[in-house]
C-alpha atoms as a PDB file:
ATOM      1  CA  MET A   1      42.700  38.520  30.988  1.00  0.00           C
ATOM      2  CA  GLU A   2      41.476  41.491  32.837  1.00  0.00           C
ATOM      3  CA  LYS A   3      39.480  41.026  35.976  1.00  0.00           C
ATOM      4  CA  ILE A   4      36.574  42.634  36.203  1.00  0.00           C
ATOM      5  CA  LEU A   5      36.031  42.921  40.156  1.00  0.00           C
ATOM      6  CA  THR A   6      38.522  42.670  42.403  1.00  0.00           C
ATOM      7  CA  LYS A   7      38.706  39.935  45.390  1.00  0.00           C
ATOM      8  CA  ALA A   8      37.703  42.597  47.875  1.00  0.00           C
ATOM      9  CA  GLU A   9      34.705  43.506  45.760  1.00  0.00           C
ATOM     10  CA  ILE A  10      33.628  39.947  45.360  1.00  0.00           C
ATOM     11  CA  GLU A  11      33.694  39.553  48.798  1.00  0.00           C
ATOM     12  CA  ALA A  12      31.162  42.404  49.813  1.00  0.00           C
ATOM     13  CA  LEU A  13      29.171  41.972  46.912  1.00  0.00           C
ATOM     14  CA  LEU A  14      28.170  38.101  48.547  1.00  0.00           C
ATOM     15  CA  ASN A  15      27.827  39.913  51.838  1.00  0.00           C
ATOM     16  CA  ALA A  16      25.258  42.281  50.521  1.00  0.00           C
ATOM     17  CA  VAL A  17      23.059  39.653  48.868  1.00  0.00           C
ATOM     18  CA  PHE A  18      23.546  37.280  52.298  1.00  0.00           C
ATOM     19  CA  ASP A  19      22.268  40.207  54.349  1.00  0.00           C
ATOM     20  CA  GLY A  20      19.450  40.688  52.243  1.00  0.00           C
ATOM     21  CA  ARG A  21      20.411  44.386  50.513  1.00  0.00           C
ATOM     22  CA  ILE A  22      20.760  43.137  47.452  1.00  0.00           C
ATOM     23  CA  GLU A  23      18.200  40.843  45.845  1.00  0.00           C
ATOM     24  CA  PRO A  24      19.615  39.195  42.533  1.00  0.00           C
ATOM     25  CA  GLU A  25      16.243  38.415  41.084  1.00  0.00           C
ATOM     26  CA  LYS A  26      15.438  42.315  40.928  1.00  0.00           C
ATOM     27  CA  GLU A  27      18.518  43.258  40.062  1.00  0.00           C
ATOM     28  CA  LEU A  28      18.789  41.087  36.768  1.00  0.00           C
ATOM     29  CA  SER A  29      15.008  41.735  35.977  1.00  0.00           C
ATOM     30  CA  LYS A  30      16.069  45.546  35.762  1.00  0.00           C
ATOM     31  CA  ALA A  31      18.946  44.470  33.092  1.00  0.00           C
ATOM     32  CA  GLU A  32      18.281  45.210  29.587  1.00  0.00           C
ATOM     33  CA  GLY A  33      19.738  43.410  26.362  1.00  0.00           C
ATOM     34  CA  THR A  34      20.429  40.619  28.077  1.00  0.00           C
ATOM     35  CA  ALA A  35      21.379  37.397  26.102  1.00  0.00           C
ATOM     36  CA  VAL A  36      18.878  34.622  26.538  1.00  0.00           C
ATOM     37  CA  SER A  37      19.718  31.333  25.076  1.00  0.00           C
ATOM     38  CA  TYR A  38      17.299  30.014  22.194  1.00  0.00           C
ATOM     39  CA  ASP A  39      17.352  26.558  20.544  1.00  0.00           C
ATOM     40  CA  LEU A  40      15.898  26.803  17.063  1.00  0.00           C
ATOM     41  CA  PHE A  41      15.523  23.247  16.593  1.00  0.00           C
ATOM     42  CA  ASN A  42      13.091  22.786  19.924  1.00  0.00           C
ATOM     43  CA  THR A  43      11.175  25.698  19.771  1.00  0.00           C
ATOM     44  CA  GLU A  44       7.307  25.236  19.331  1.00  0.00           C
ATOM     45  CA  ALA A  45       6.871  27.035  15.783  1.00  0.00           C
ATOM     46  CA  TYR A  46       9.804  24.440  14.422  1.00  0.00           C
ATOM     47  CA  ARG A  47       8.191  21.451  16.155  1.00  0.00           C
ATOM     48  CA  GLY A  48       7.224  19.615  13.439  1.00  0.00           C
ATOM     49  CA  PHE A  49       3.662  20.470  13.478  1.00  0.00           C
ATOM     50  CA  VAL A  50       2.061  20.086   9.873  1.00  0.00           C
ATOM     51  CA  PRO A  51      -1.963  20.775   9.880  1.00  0.00           C
ATOM     52  CA  ASN A  52      -3.642  18.318   7.792  1.00  0.00           C
ATOM     53  CA  LEU A  53      -1.057  16.333   6.594  1.00  0.00           C
ATOM     54  CA  ASP A  54      -2.979  13.555   7.679  1.00  0.00           C
ATOM     55  CA  ILE A  55      -5.359  13.857   4.559  1.00  0.00           C
ATOM     56  CA  VAL A  56      -2.700  12.874   2.279  1.00  0.00           C
ATOM     57  CA  TYR A  57      -2.355   9.961   4.274  1.00  0.00           C
ATOM     58  CA  ASP A  58      -5.922   9.250   4.276  1.00  0.00           C
ATOM     59  CA  SER A  59      -5.913   8.955   0.751  1.00  0.00           C
ATOM     60  CA  PHE A  60      -3.090   6.882   0.440  1.00  0.00           C
ATOM     61  CA  ILE A  61      -4.685   4.515   2.986  1.00  0.00           C
ATOM     62  CA  ARG A  62      -7.529   4.248   0.363  1.00  0.00           C
ATOM     63  CA  TYR A  63      -5.614   3.711  -2.346  1.00  0.00           C
ATOM     64  CA  SER A  64      -2.852   1.577  -0.952  1.00  0.00           C
ATOM     65  CA  ARG A  65      -5.287  -1.067   0.845  1.00  0.00           C
ATOM     66  CA  ILE A  66      -6.488  -1.859  -3.059  1.00  0.00           C
ATOM     67  CA  THR A  67      -3.284  -1.995  -4.450  1.00  0.00           C
ATOM     68  CA  LEU A  68      -1.863  -4.299  -1.646  1.00  0.00           C
ATOM     69  CA  SER A  69      -4.587  -6.309  -1.831  1.00  0.00           C
ATOM     70  CA  ASN A  70      -4.632  -6.979  -5.616  1.00  0.00           C
ATOM     71  CA  ARG A  71      -0.712  -7.815  -5.542  1.00  0.00           C
ATOM     72  CA  LEU A  72      -0.876  -9.832  -2.524  1.00  0.00           C
ATOM     73  CA  ARG A  73      -4.269 -11.383  -3.135  1.00  0.00           C
ATOM     74  CA  LYS A  74      -4.954 -11.071   0.471  1.00  0.00           C
ATOM     75  CA  VAL A  75      -7.038  -9.181   2.568  1.00  0.00           C
ATOM     76  CA  VAL A  76      -5.177  -6.118   4.071  1.00  0.00           C
ATOM     77  CA  GLU A  77      -6.270  -3.858   6.167  1.00  0.00           C
ATOM     78  CA  ILE A  78      -4.247  -0.386   6.798  1.00  0.00           C
ATOM     79  CA  LYS A  79      -4.814   2.218   9.609  1.00  0.00           C
ATOM     80  CA  LYS A  80      -3.240   5.579  10.933  1.00  0.00           C
ATOM     81  CA  GLN A  81      -1.904   5.133  14.412  1.00  0.00           C
ATOM     82  CA  GLY A  82      -0.816   8.693  14.647  1.00  0.00           C
ATOM     83  CA  ALA A  83       1.424  11.305  13.596  1.00  0.00           C
ATOM     84  CA  LYS A  84       4.699  12.676  15.505  1.00  0.00           C
ATOM     85  CA  SER A  85       7.798  14.945  15.510  1.00  0.00           C
ATOM     86  CA  TYR A  86      11.398  13.933  16.307  1.00  0.00           C
ATOM     87  CA  LYS A  87      15.042  14.813  16.031  1.00  0.00           C
ATOM     88  CA  PHE A  88      16.283  12.927  13.302  1.00  0.00           C
ATOM     89  CA  ASP A  89      18.454  10.982  15.673  1.00  0.00           C
ATOM     90  CA  ASP A  90      15.802  10.220  18.250  1.00  0.00           C
ATOM     91  CA  PHE A  91      13.726   9.133  15.504  1.00  0.00           C
ATOM     92  CA  LEU A  92      16.293   6.519  14.322  1.00  0.00           C
ATOM     93  CA  GLN A  93      16.258   5.210  18.313  1.00  0.00           C
ATOM     94  CA  THR A  94      12.500   4.405  18.010  1.00  0.00           C
ATOM     95  CA  LEU A  95      13.287   1.900  15.152  1.00  0.00           C
ATOM     96  CA  PRO A  96      12.758  -1.907  15.914  1.00  0.00           C
ATOM     97  CA  SER A  97      15.321  -4.096  14.898  1.00  0.00           C
ATOM     98  CA  PRO A  98      15.672  -6.010  12.377  1.00  0.00           C
ATOM     99  CA  VAL A  99      14.038  -2.991  10.245  1.00  0.00           C
ATOM    100  CA  CYS A 100      13.942  -2.643   6.331  1.00  0.00           C
ATOM    101  CA  MET A 101      13.783   1.075   5.481  1.00  0.00           C
ATOM    102  CA  ALA A 102      13.443   2.537   1.936  1.00  0.00           C
ATOM    103  CA  LEU A 103      14.645   6.118   0.660  1.00  0.00           C
ATOM    104  CA  PHE A 104      12.835   7.871  -1.888  1.00  0.00           C
ATOM    105  CA  LYS A 105      12.916  11.661  -3.220  1.00  0.00           C
ATOM    106  CA  MET A 106       9.908  13.509  -3.509  1.00  0.00           C
ATOM    107  CA  GLU A 107      10.742  15.643  -6.463  1.00  0.00           C
ATOM    108  CA  PRO A 108      10.784  18.410  -6.789  1.00  0.00           C
ATOM    109  CA  LEU A 109      10.735  19.027  -3.383  1.00  0.00           C
ATOM    110  CA  LYS A 110      13.973  18.895  -1.790  1.00  0.00           C
ATOM    111  CA  GLY A 111      15.119  16.389   0.720  1.00  0.00           C
ATOM    112  CA  VAL A 112      15.054  12.562   0.992  1.00  0.00           C
ATOM    113  CA  ALA A 113      12.080  11.124   3.003  1.00  0.00           C
ATOM    114  CA  LEU A 114      12.179   7.458   4.750  1.00  0.00           C
ATOM    115  CA  LEU A 115       9.578   4.774   4.644  1.00  0.00           C
ATOM    116  CA  ALA A 116      10.624   1.841   7.416  1.00  0.00           C
ATOM    117  CA  MET A 117       8.755  -1.510   7.903  1.00  0.00           C
ATOM    118  CA  ASP A 118       9.519  -3.688  10.583  1.00  0.00           C
ATOM    119  CA  SER A 119      10.261  -7.078  10.429  1.00  0.00           C
ATOM    120  CA  ALA A 120       6.620  -8.621  10.917  1.00  0.00           C
ATOM    121  CA  LEU A 121       5.203  -6.570   8.015  1.00  0.00           C
ATOM    122  CA  SER A 122       8.332  -7.371   5.931  1.00  0.00           C
ATOM    123  CA  TYR A 123       8.302 -10.943   6.374  1.00  0.00           C
ATOM    124  CA  ALA A 124       4.753 -10.917   5.707  1.00  0.00           C
ATOM    125  CA  LEU A 125       4.833  -9.015   2.424  1.00  0.00           C
ATOM    126  CA  VAL A 126       7.823 -11.628   1.385  1.00  0.00           C
ATOM    127  CA  ASP A 127       6.119 -14.596   2.119  1.00  0.00           C
ATOM    128  CA  SER A 128       2.879 -13.430   0.642  1.00  0.00           C
ATOM    129  CA  VAL A 129       4.691 -12.181  -2.608  1.00  0.00           C
ATOM    130  CA  LEU A 130       5.916 -15.886  -2.734  1.00  0.00           C
ATOM    131  CA  GLY A 131       2.198 -17.649  -2.059  1.00  0.00           C
ATOM    132  CA  GLY A 132       2.952 -18.387   1.424  1.00  0.00           C
ATOM    133  CA  THR A 133       0.546 -18.016   4.333  1.00  0.00           C
ATOM    134  CA  SER A 134       2.588 -15.224   6.065  1.00  0.00           C
ATOM    135  CA  ARG A 135       1.614 -16.786   9.389  1.00  0.00           C
ATOM    136  CA  ASN A 136       5.034 -17.640  10.614  1.00  0.00           C
ATOM    137  CA  ALA A 137       6.738 -14.807   9.628  1.00  0.00           C
ATOM    138  CA  ILE A 138       6.567 -12.783  12.601  1.00  0.00           C
ATOM    139  CA  ASN A 139       9.246 -15.442  14.814  1.00  0.00           C
ATOM    140  CA  LEU A 140      11.876 -14.355  12.398  1.00  0.00           C
ATOM    141  CA  ASN A 141      14.335 -12.268  13.979  1.00  0.00           C
ATOM    142  CA  ARG A 142      17.128 -12.177  11.610  1.00  0.00           C
ATOM    143  CA  LEU A 143      18.567  -9.887   8.614  1.00  0.00           C
ATOM    144  CA  PHE A 144      17.174  -9.401   5.308  1.00  0.00           C
ATOM    145  CA  THR A 145      18.425 -11.276   2.458  1.00  0.00           C
ATOM    146  CA  THR A 146      19.325  -9.799  -1.162  1.00  0.00           C
ATOM    147  CA  LEU A 147      16.503 -11.491  -2.748  1.00  0.00           C
ATOM    148  CA  GLU A 148      13.772 -10.741   0.199  1.00  0.00           C
ATOM    149  CA  LEU A 149      15.187  -6.679   0.052  1.00  0.00           C
ATOM    150  CA  ARG A 150      14.315  -7.136  -4.093  1.00  0.00           C
ATOM    151  CA  LEU A 151      10.683  -8.608  -3.418  1.00  0.00           C
ATOM    152  CA  ILE A 152      10.189  -5.938  -0.977  1.00  0.00           C
ATOM    153  CA  GLU A 153      11.635  -3.191  -3.353  1.00  0.00           C
ATOM    154  CA  LYS A 154       8.813  -4.378  -6.010  1.00  0.00           C
ATOM    155  CA  VAL A 155       6.013  -3.517  -3.357  1.00  0.00           C
ATOM    156  CA  CYS A 156       7.454  -0.519  -2.073  1.00  0.00           C
ATOM    157  CA  ALA A 157       7.244   0.584  -5.539  1.00  0.00           C
ATOM    158  CA  ASP A 158       3.467   0.022  -5.603  1.00  0.00           C
ATOM    159  CA  ILE A 159       3.580   1.933  -2.526  1.00  0.00           C
ATOM    160  CA  MET A 160       5.352   4.956  -4.102  1.00  0.00           C
ATOM    161  CA  ALA A 161       2.683   5.433  -6.626  1.00  0.00           C
ATOM    162  CA  ASP A 162       0.072   5.115  -4.614  1.00  0.00           C
ATOM    163  CA  LEU A 163       1.743   8.167  -2.340  1.00  0.00           C
ATOM    164  CA  GLU A 164       1.936  10.213  -5.773  1.00  0.00           C
ATOM    165  CA  LYS A 165      -1.801   9.920  -6.145  1.00  0.00           C
ATOM    166  CA  ALA A 166      -1.761  10.935  -2.632  1.00  0.00           C
ATOM    167  CA  TRP A 167      -0.101  13.734  -2.789  1.00  0.00           C
ATOM    168  CA  ALA A 168      -1.377  14.891  -6.443  1.00  0.00           C
ATOM    169  CA  PRO A 169      -4.210  17.176  -5.293  1.00  0.00           C
ATOM    170  CA  LEU A 170      -1.757  18.732  -2.859  1.00  0.00           C
ATOM    171  CA  TYR A 171       1.215  18.984  -4.937  1.00  0.00           C
ATOM    172  CA  PRO A 172       2.050  17.168  -8.246  1.00  0.00           C
ATOM    173  CA  VAL A 173       5.433  15.287  -6.959  1.00  0.00           C
ATOM    174  CA  LYS A 174       7.413  12.268  -8.128  1.00  0.00           C
ATOM    175  CA  MET A 175       8.148   9.797  -5.935  1.00  0.00           C
ATOM    176  CA  ASN A 176      11.891   7.806  -6.857  1.00  0.00           C
ATOM    177  CA  LEU A 177      13.003   4.960  -4.817  1.00  0.00           C
ATOM    178  CA  MET A 178      16.592   4.988  -4.253  1.00  0.00           C
ATOM    179  CA  ARG A 179      17.503   2.324  -2.556  1.00  0.00           C
ATOM    180  CA  MET A 180      16.810  -0.262   0.279  1.00  0.00           C
ATOM    181  CA  GLU A 181      18.734  -0.257   3.889  1.00  0.00           C
ATOM    182  CA  MET A 182      18.700  -2.540   6.914  1.00  0.00           C
ATOM    183  CA  ASN A 183      21.121  -0.484   9.192  1.00  0.00           C
ATOM    184  CA  PRO A 184      19.540   2.836  10.687  1.00  0.00           C
ATOM    185  CA  ARG A 185      23.211   3.944  11.027  1.00  0.00           C
ATOM    186  CA  LEU A 186      23.922   3.810   7.521  1.00  0.00           C
ATOM    187  CA  VAL A 187      20.748   6.409   6.733  1.00  0.00           C
ATOM    188  CA  THR A 188      21.333  10.007   6.785  1.00  0.00           C
ATOM    189  CA  ILE A 189      18.532  11.446   5.284  1.00  0.00           C
ATOM    190  CA  VAL A 190      19.213  15.024   7.447  1.00  0.00           C
ATOM    191  CA  PRO A 191      21.676  16.242   9.797  1.00  0.00           C
ATOM    192  CA  PRO A 192      20.676  14.557  13.929  1.00  0.00           C
ATOM    193  CA  GLU A 193      19.331  17.599  14.872  1.00  0.00           C
ATOM    194  CA  TYR A 194      16.987  18.363  12.734  1.00  0.00           C
ATOM    195  CA  GLN A 195      13.455  17.845  12.675  1.00  0.00           C
ATOM    196  CA  VAL A 196      11.075  15.248  10.893  1.00  0.00           C
ATOM    197  CA  VAL A 197       7.194  14.426  10.659  1.00  0.00           C
ATOM    198  CA  THR A 198       6.124  11.006  11.023  1.00  0.00           C
ATOM    199  CA  MET A 199       3.311   9.182  10.573  1.00  0.00           C
ATOM    200  CA  THR A 200       2.895   5.067  11.365  1.00  0.00           C
ATOM    201  CA  LEU A 201       0.280   2.790   9.990  1.00  0.00           C
ATOM    202  CA  LYS A 202      -0.950  -0.085  11.321  1.00  0.00           C
ATOM    203  CA  VAL A 203      -0.896  -2.849   8.414  1.00  0.00           C
ATOM    204  CA  GLN A 204      -2.953  -6.347   8.436  1.00  0.00           C
ATOM    205  CA  ILE A 205      -2.418  -9.320   6.125  1.00  0.00           C
ATOM    206  CA  GLU A 206      -5.024 -11.913   6.889  1.00  0.00           C
ATOM    207  CA  GLU A 207      -3.382 -12.736  10.878  1.00  0.00           C
ATOM    208  CA  THR A 208      -0.277 -10.806  10.487  1.00  0.00           C
ATOM    209  CA  VAL A 209      -0.027  -7.557  11.684  1.00  0.00           C
ATOM    210  CA  GLY A 210       2.847  -4.800  11.277  1.00  0.00           C
ATOM    211  CA  SER A 211       3.381  -1.374  10.672  1.00  0.00           C
ATOM    212  CA  MET A 212       5.350   0.984   8.611  1.00  0.00           C
ATOM    213  CA  VAL A 213       6.378   4.524   9.234  1.00  0.00           C
ATOM    214  CA  PHE A 214       6.550   7.141   6.894  1.00  0.00           C
ATOM    215  CA  THR A 215       9.226   9.990   7.543  1.00  0.00           C
ATOM    216  CA  VAL A 216       9.618  13.197   6.319  1.00  0.00           C
ATOM    217  CA  PRO A 217      11.868  16.103   6.840  1.00  0.00           C
ATOM    218  CA  PHE A 218      10.239  19.179   8.006  1.00  0.00           C
ATOM    219  CA  MET A 219      11.844  21.660   5.980  1.00  0.00           C
ATOM    220  CA  THR A 220      11.018  19.545   2.938  1.00  0.00           C
ATOM    221  CA  ILE A 221       7.309  20.162   3.223  1.00  0.00           C
ATOM    222  CA  GLU A 222       7.473  23.462   5.240  1.00  0.00           C
ATOM    223  CA  PRO A 223       7.099  25.432   1.745  1.00  0.00           C
ATOM    224  CA  LEU A 224       3.312  23.258   1.840  1.00  0.00           C
ATOM    225  CA  ARG A 225       2.421  24.421   4.898  1.00  0.00           C
ATOM    226  CA  ASP A 226      -0.054  26.652   3.396  1.00  0.00           C
ATOM    227  CA  LYS A 227      -1.529  24.883   1.009  1.00  0.00           C
ATOM    228  CA  LEU A 228      -2.095  21.980   3.620  1.00  0.00           C
ATOM    229  CA  ARG A 229      -3.974  24.946   5.718  1.00  0.00           C
ATOM    230  CA  GLU A 230      -6.680  24.338   3.331  1.00  0.00           C
ATOM    231  CA  GLY A 231      -7.150  20.842   4.355  1.00  0.00           C
ATOM    232  CA  MET A 232     -11.010  20.699   3.132  1.00  0.00           C
ATOM    233  CA  GLN A 233     -10.838  22.023  -0.147  1.00  0.00           C
ATOM    234  CA  PHE A 234      -7.909  19.594  -0.837  1.00  0.00           C
ATOM    235  CA  ASP A 235     -10.005  16.834   0.641  1.00  0.00           C
ATOM    236  CA  LEU A 236     -12.880  17.646  -1.553  1.00  0.00           C
ATOM    237  CA  MET A 237     -10.338  16.778  -4.693  1.00  0.00           C
ATOM    238  CA  ALA A 238      -9.141  13.660  -3.194  1.00  0.00           C
ATOM    239  CA  ILE A 239     -11.152  10.124  -4.751  1.00  0.00           C
ATOM    240  CA  ASP A 240     -12.512   7.576  -3.344  1.00  0.00           C
ATOM    241  CA  PRO A 241     -11.746   4.304  -5.574  1.00  0.00           C
ATOM    242  CA  GLN A 242     -14.020   2.020  -3.342  1.00  0.00           C
ATOM    243  CA  TRP A 243     -17.005   4.563  -3.900  1.00  0.00           C
ATOM    244  CA  SER A 244     -16.424   4.567  -7.686  1.00  0.00           C
ATOM    245  CA  TYR A 245     -16.284   0.539  -7.705  1.00  0.00           C
ATOM    246  CA  ARG A 246     -19.561   0.290  -5.553  1.00  0.00           C
ATOM    247  CA  LEU A 247     -21.149   2.924  -7.838  1.00  0.00           C
ATOM    248  CA  SER A 248     -20.273   1.018 -10.881  1.00  0.00           C
ATOM    249  CA  ALA A 249     -21.813  -2.437  -9.430  1.00  0.00           C
ATOM    250  CA  GLU A 250     -24.966  -0.707  -7.869  1.00  0.00           C
ATOM    251  CA  ILE A 251     -25.595   0.589 -11.737  1.00  0.00           C
ATOM    252  CA  LEU A 252     -24.628  -2.625 -13.590  1.00  0.00           C
ATOM    253  CA  GLU A 253     -27.595  -4.017 -11.499  1.00  0.00           C
ATOM    254  CA  ALA A 254     -30.034  -1.859 -12.251  1.00  0.00           C
ATOM    255  CA  PRO A 255     -33.087  -3.522 -14.084  1.00  0.00           C
ATOM    256  CA  MET A 256     -34.121  -2.218 -17.796  1.00  0.00           C
ATOM    257  CA  GLU A 257     -37.024  -3.050 -19.780  1.00  0.00           C
ATOM    258  CA  MET A 258     -35.997  -4.488 -23.414  1.00  0.00           C
ATOM    259  CA  ALA A 259     -38.829  -4.822 -26.012  1.00  0.00           C
ATOM    260  CA  VAL A 260     -38.541  -5.994 -29.725  1.00  0.00           C
ATOM    261  CA  GLU A 261     -40.322  -4.159 -32.001  1.00  0.00           C
ATOM    262  CA  LEU A 262     -41.851  -6.716 -34.660  1.00  0.00           C
ATOM    263  CA  GLY A 263     -43.309  -4.053 -36.679  1.00  0.00           C
ATOM    264  CA  ASN A 264     -46.085  -1.240 -37.745  1.00  0.00           C
ATOM    265  CA  SER A 265     -49.353  -0.828 -39.200  1.00  0.00           C
ATOM    266  CA  ASN A 266     -51.532   2.018 -40.496  1.00  0.00           C
ATOM    267  CA  ILE A 267     -55.174   1.442 -39.447  1.00  0.00           C
ATOM    268  CA  SER A 268     -58.405   3.536 -39.059  1.00  0.00           C
ATOM    269  CA  LEU A 269     -60.198   4.153 -36.102  1.00  0.00           C
ATOM    270  CA  ARG A 270     -63.226   2.631 -37.639  1.00  0.00           C
ATOM    271  CA  GLU A 271     -60.860  -0.876 -38.774  1.00  0.00           C
ATOM    272  CA  LEU A 272     -59.782  -0.567 -34.801  1.00  0.00           C
ATOM    273  CA  LEU A 273     -63.432  -0.595 -33.332  1.00  0.00           C
ATOM    274  CA  ASP A 274     -64.182  -3.223 -35.829  1.00  0.00           C
ATOM    275  CA  LEU A 275     -61.270  -5.621 -34.887  1.00  0.00           C
ATOM    276  CA  THR A 276     -62.492  -8.880 -33.575  1.00  0.00           C
ATOM    277  CA  VAL A 277     -60.558 -11.888 -31.867  1.00  0.00           C
ATOM    278  CA  GLY A 278     -59.167 -14.077 -34.798  1.00  0.00           C
ATOM    279  CA  ASP A 279     -58.448 -10.656 -36.973  1.00  0.00           C
ATOM    280  CA  THR A 280     -55.229 -10.687 -38.578  1.00  0.00           C
ATOM    281  CA  ILE A 281     -53.273  -7.203 -38.819  1.00  0.00           C
ATOM    282  CA  MET A 282     -50.605  -7.305 -41.619  1.00  0.00           C
ATOM    283  CA  LEU A 283     -46.990  -5.561 -40.519  1.00  0.00           C
ATOM    284  CA  ASP A 284     -44.577  -3.537 -42.911  1.00  0.00           C
ATOM    285  CA  LYS A 285     -41.976  -6.325 -42.190  1.00  0.00           C
ATOM    286  CA  PRO A 286     -41.762  -9.907 -42.765  1.00  0.00           C
ATOM    287  CA  CYS A 287     -41.142 -12.376 -39.939  1.00  0.00           C
ATOM    288  CA  THR A 288     -37.179 -12.881 -41.263  1.00  0.00           C
ATOM    289  CA  SER A 289     -36.587  -9.592 -41.560  1.00  0.00           C
ATOM    290  CA  GLU A 290     -34.077  -7.562 -38.843  1.00  0.00           C
ATOM    291  CA  LEU A 291     -35.985  -5.832 -36.089  1.00  0.00           C
ATOM    292  CA  THR A 292     -35.544  -3.455 -33.725  1.00  0.00           C
ATOM    293  CA  ILE A 293     -34.433  -4.003 -30.210  1.00  0.00           C
ATOM    294  CA  ARG A 294     -35.571  -1.107 -27.821  1.00  0.00           C
ATOM    295  CA  VAL A 295     -33.276  -0.189 -24.230  1.00  0.00           C
ATOM    296  CA  GLU A 296     -36.118   1.592 -22.219  1.00  0.00           C
ATOM    297  CA  GLY A 297     -37.725   3.047 -25.417  1.00  0.00           C
ATOM    298  CA  VAL A 298     -34.635   3.711 -27.017  1.00  0.00           C
ATOM    299  CA  PRO A 299     -33.387   1.585 -30.290  1.00  0.00           C
ATOM    300  CA  LYS A 300     -30.076  -0.122 -29.305  1.00  0.00           C
ATOM    301  CA  TYR A 301     -29.843  -3.290 -31.273  1.00  0.00           C
ATOM    302  CA  CYS A 302     -31.160  -5.173 -34.455  1.00  0.00           C
ATOM    303  CA  GLY A 303     -31.890  -8.777 -34.358  1.00  0.00           C
ATOM    304  CA  ILE A 304     -33.564 -11.660 -35.951  1.00  0.00           C
ATOM    305  CA  PRO A 305     -36.195 -13.627 -34.474  1.00  0.00           C
ATOM    306  CA  GLY A 306     -36.499 -17.095 -33.974  1.00  0.00           C
ATOM    307  CA  ILE A 307     -37.097 -20.162 -31.261  1.00  0.00           C
ATOM    308  CA  ARG A 308     -34.596 -21.324 -29.012  1.00  0.00           C
ATOM    309  CA  HIS A 309     -35.074 -24.188 -26.796  1.00  0.00           C
ATOM    310  CA  GLY A 310     -39.006 -23.677 -27.270  1.00  0.00           C
ATOM    311  CA  ASN A 311     -39.209 -20.247 -26.261  1.00  0.00           C
ATOM    312  CA  LYS A 312     -39.468 -17.218 -28.615  1.00  0.00           C
ATOM    313  CA  ALA A 313     -36.117 -15.884 -29.136  1.00  0.00           C
ATOM    314  CA  ILE A 314     -34.028 -13.172 -31.098  1.00  0.00           C
ATOM    315  CA  GLN A 315     -30.496 -13.234 -31.999  1.00  0.00           C
ATOM    316  CA  LEU A 316     -28.454  -9.807 -32.346  1.00  0.00           C
ATOM    317  CA  SER A 317     -27.162  -8.978 -35.623  1.00  0.00           C
ATOM    318  CA  SER A 318     -25.745  -5.338 -35.371  1.00  0.00           C
ATOM    319  CA  ILE A 319     -25.816  -2.670 -32.852  1.00  0.00           C
ATOM    320  CA  LEU A 320     -27.116   0.855 -33.360  1.00  0.00           C
ATOM    321  CA  ASP A 321     -25.662   4.409 -32.820  1.00  0.00           C
ATOM    322  CA  GLN A 322     -27.322   7.183 -30.861  1.00  0.00           C
ATOM    323  CA  ARG A 323     -28.932   8.384 -34.542  1.00  0.00           C
ATOM    324  CA  GLY A 324     -30.701   4.741 -35.157  1.00  0.00           C
ATOM    325  CA  ASN A 325     -27.803   3.805 -37.479  1.00  0.00           C
ATOM    326  CA  HIS A 326     -25.953   0.558 -37.664  1.00  0.00           C
ATOM    327  CA  CYS A 327     -22.509   1.018 -36.270  1.00  0.00           C
ATOM    328  CA  GLU A 328     -21.128  -2.389 -35.743  1.00  0.00           C
ATOM    329  CA  ARG A 329     -22.483  -5.826 -37.022  1.00  0.00           C
ATOM    330  CA  GLN A 330     -22.257  -9.251 -35.271  1.00  0.00           C
ATOM    331  CA  ALA A 331     -20.571 -11.576 -36.814  1.00  0.00           C
END
């Protein structure tokens, strides 16, 4: 290889620097076209900040809280702990041991995502599915059996369904559960230096507290960054099922007036003025015929009058449609 400077020239250059005749900083600032190292994976632009991604997980929490409570028949509370961005290799170092991981695809988006649950949550889910109390599951520190993984996989299927609903207002995706894993060394959803975006959720099942972490490669959701910036519009599209249930419950308790129409009669004003106590007004229907039952003034049912337990009563015989015609007759 050809030498750029001779030994004498190098010594002269060093002497000039030591004597102060040459200042290296100024000389470097004058240089043009100097190559600067640029780390594509650690730049701020690529560091994994995704605006309003937490809106998706807010919707997921609302759905999953109800789903898990119904499946486990226990009160389940879910709270966000925060979103972070890691290199995938660094993220694997943060996982506890043992850990239960579910790998799933978000079709038609590219790549594979990951759901990791710590042992406290995993064993609590297994114990609750089998009808246990889940109070002693925290102290278990062993690998999961095939049966336990199968039970957790069924719960993960419910989680995937709720995650689909949460993503639907933003972008319709199909969550396909691929497989379950226990060893982080066997999981490679992206190369080690690629960036992933995580969201940690705290899950409390009665007295047991665990955590689940959703991990999505940055390249998977990169095409949706523009849509995620429209966070307010996206949030308005989300539906809170708790609000619907509360509204339905309040409506069912609303008081309504029900009146039975015994019959009709036409009389003159003179006859009305001459009425006294004890007079009888003849109606156009016999007492054994069907009577119209009005709800808030609207004809709704027909029924037959009678007496039950010493009280005047009416037995429903048919339902009227909006036009007042019989649409369903009761047996």
